Amino acid sequence: MRTQSVLKHSSYTPARGGHAPGDIRDAFLEAIEAFEAWEDDEPEPTVEVRERQMTIREVCGLLWNCSDTMPGLERRQLEALVPYSYRGRDPAGSCGSYARAARTLRWMVNRVNSPEAQAA
């Protein structure tokens, strides 16, 4: 699996969670920016993580159980991207931790890639 090879020499394990390395958290913040800039009909954006290109979903998987707190500005940026009709009902609620933010971002990527979204 790509995520395991990216974290090969790290004590952080996404399945266990806890405190993630700073470069992984920074890659997630870049993934939010990439999602926001994502144009229709383009493939899912990638960001660089330890000299490897990873999709937004893969980056989300790295932080799926990360208990670190998101910076306020980026948290509000992500929350603003949640479609208005889903606010308060999104799968992660408030994006206070990286884990909750990763679940929200992956949910939004999945919505973009859904057959209903592609038919619109």
Protein backbone atom coordinates (compact mmCIF):
# COMPACT_ATOMS: atom_id res chain seq x y z
CA MET A 1 0.00 0.00 0.00
CA ARG A 2 1.32 3.45 -0.90
CA THR A 3 0.53 5.08 2.43
CA GLN A 4 2.58 2.53 4.35
CA SER A 5 5.61 3.03 2.12
CA VAL A 6 5.39 6.82 2.57
CA LEU A 7 5.53 6.36 6.35
CA LYS A 8 8.17 3.61 6.21
CA HIS A 9 10.59 5.23 8.68
CA SER A 10 8.00 6.93 10.87
CA SER A 11 6.66 5.92 14.26
CA TYR A 12 3.25 7.31 13.23
CA THR A 13 0.71 4.71 12.10
CA PRO A 14 -2.55 5.95 10.52
CA ALA A 15 -4.48 2.96 11.89
CA ARG A 16 -3.50 3.84 15.46
CA GLY A 17 -3.62 7.60 15.00
CA GLY A 18 -2.22 10.01 17.53
CA HIS A 19 0.25 12.75 16.64
CA ALA A 20 1.11 12.85 12.92
CA PRO A 21 4.40 14.23 11.55
CA GLY A 22 4.29 17.89 10.54
CA ASP A 23 5.02 17.21 6.87
CA ILE A 24 2.02 14.87 6.68
CA ARG A 25 -0.23 17.50 8.28
CA ASP A 26 1.17 20.11 5.86
CA ALA A 27 0.39 17.81 2.92
CA PHE A 28 -3.19 17.59 4.13
CA LEU A 29 -3.46 21.39 4.20
CA GLU A 30 -2.16 21.39 0.61
CA ALA A 31 -4.82 18.79 -0.23
CA ILE A 32 -7.51 21.20 0.96
CA GLU A 33 -6.08 23.84 -1.39
CA ALA A 34 -5.96 21.32 -4.24
CA PHE A 35 -9.58 20.35 -3.62
CA GLU A 36 -10.65 23.97 -3.66
CA ALA A 37 -8.86 24.55 -6.99
CA TRP A 38 -10.16 21.30 -8.56
CA GLU A 39 -11.88 21.99 -11.88
CA ASP A 40 -14.71 19.94 -13.35
CA ASP A 41 -13.66 17.08 -15.64
CA GLU A 42 -10.14 16.95 -14.20
CA PRO A 43 -8.81 13.85 -12.46
CA GLU A 44 -8.54 13.92 -8.69
CA PRO A 45 -5.71 16.25 -7.71
CA THR A 46 -2.52 15.01 -6.14
CA VAL A 47 -0.13 16.56 -3.66
CA GLU A 48 3.46 15.71 -2.88
CA VAL A 49 4.07 13.71 0.27
CA ARG A 50 7.67 12.79 0.99
CA GLU A 51 8.64 13.01 -2.69
CA ARG A 52 5.61 10.97 -3.86
CA GLN A 53 2.43 12.13 -5.52
CA MET A 54 -0.67 11.07 -3.61
CA THR A 55 -4.33 11.71 -4.33
CA ILE A 56 -6.40 13.75 -1.91
CA ARG A 57 -8.11 10.54 -0.74
CA GLU A 58 -4.78 8.89 -0.01
CA VAL A 59 -3.62 11.90 2.00
CA CYS A 60 -6.90 11.77 3.94
CA GLY A 61 -6.17 8.14 4.76
CA LEU A 62 -2.86 9.14 6.32
CA LEU A 63 -4.69 11.32 8.85
CA TRP A 64 -7.84 9.23 9.31
CA ASN A 65 -7.20 8.78 13.05
CA CYS A 66 -4.91 11.75 13.73
CA SER A 67 -5.88 13.50 16.95
CA ASP A 68 -3.93 16.70 16.26
CA THR A 69 -5.96 19.91 16.22
CA MET A 70 -6.42 21.66 12.87
CA PRO A 71 -5.27 25.28 12.64
CA GLY A 72 -8.30 27.58 12.91
CA LEU A 73 -7.94 29.29 9.53
CA GLU A 74 -7.65 26.02 7.60
CA ARG A 75 -10.46 24.45 9.63
CA ARG A 76 -12.78 27.31 8.70
CA GLN A 77 -11.61 27.11 5.07
CA LEU A 78 -12.55 23.42 4.91
CA GLU A 79 -15.86 23.92 6.70
CA ALA A 80 -16.74 26.67 4.19
CA LEU A 81 -16.28 24.15 1.35
CA VAL A 82 -18.95 21.82 2.74
CA PRO A 83 -22.08 22.29 0.60
CA TYR A 84 -24.57 24.53 2.39
CA SER A 85 -27.32 21.91 2.36
CA TYR A 86 -25.04 19.51 4.26
CA ARG A 87 -23.71 21.89 6.91
CA GLY A 88 -24.42 20.49 10.32
CA ARG A 89 -25.01 17.06 8.73
CA ASP A 90 -21.63 16.35 7.17
CA PRO A 91 -20.04 13.07 8.29
CA ALA A 92 -17.38 14.70 10.41
CA GLY A 93 -19.26 17.57 12.01
CA SER A 94 -16.93 20.37 12.99
CA CYS A 95 -13.46 19.81 11.56
CA GLY A 96 -11.60 20.40 14.84
CA SER A 97 -9.12 17.52 14.48
CA TYR A 98 -7.21 16.36 11.43
CA ALA A 99 -9.11 13.05 11.65
CA ARG A 100 -12.49 14.77 11.42
CA ALA A 101 -11.21 17.06 8.68
CA ALA A 102 -9.82 14.09 6.71
CA ARG A 103 -13.20 12.37 6.89
CA THR A 104 -14.95 15.53 5.72
CA LEU A 105 -12.55 16.09 2.83
CA ARG A 106 -12.73 12.46 1.69
CA TRP A 107 -16.54 12.64 1.85
CA MET A 108 -16.46 15.71 -0.40
CA VAL A 109 -14.06 14.04 -2.88
CA ASN A 110 -16.36 11.02 -3.00
CA ARG A 111 -19.34 13.32 -3.69
CA VAL A 112 -17.48 14.91 -6.63
CA ASN A 113 -16.66 11.46 -8.00
CA SER A 114 -20.17 10.05 -7.48
CA PRO A 115 -22.18 9.04 -10.58
CA GLU A 116 -24.83 11.65 -9.67
CA ALA A 117 -22.25 14.45 -9.61
CA GLN A 118 -20.70 13.31 -12.89
CA ALA A 119 -24.10 13.23 -14.59
CA ALA A 120 -24.85 16.83 -13.63
